Amino acid sequence: MGNPLVNELVIGLPDKDYWNTQSPNNETQFASYVLNPAFVQIIDFLLLKTVNAGLGQRFKSLAPATPRNDLVAVFLTGLPGINQPVNPVPGDMLRLNVNTPVQPAATQNPLGVIAGDNAGYPNGRRPGDDVVDIALRVIMGKLYTLNLFGTPAQAVVGAVPFTDGAPLSAANFALGFPFLLDPLPGSSQF
């Protein structure tokens, strides 16, 4: 389980436990989930009517166009020109292009590659990369809006800044091991 939220947002409920038992070289059997992730179907079921009413639209679906070759690249093979090796073997593994220049912590963008910082997730994973927000946005079609896989018209909510509401950045971490800063003091009212 190299990439964040694959088991939680991409792999369908019937196969989650089985997927957890497999090594990356056996994960091509789950390609149908990556090409058609379960999370997007849940978002459609829960939010399609609300989004259409709120925006005055008649979207038939909030799901990006399928098949989701963008998710295959992010989660299974690496992004072409970013971190995809020659002759990639599909599997849920973090991939890092060590030829990409390192960004100093002060200039790192917590949204990594989708914000133009090619030294960030999914090209490796730095402590300050907001991998949950990145994964949510990619799953909902962010790479379509960047014309990397398809076009913006193929992901009607691809430009929406989906978030878990817990912002993260390199400023939340020390520059050396153990990286975690001292915890913030609790309330003195108790």
Foldseek 3Di string as FASTA:
>chain_A
DAAPCCLPWQQDPVCSVVCVVDFFLPCVVRLVSQQPPPNQVVCFVPPVVVVCVVVVHDDPGQFFDTRPVVSQQQAFAHAVPQFGDVPGRGGRHQTADPVQDDDPQVPDDLLAVLVPNSRDPSRGHDQQNQRVQNVVLVRQPLVQPVVSPPHCVRRVCSVPSDDPPDHGGLVCFDPDPPTHDDDDDDDPPD
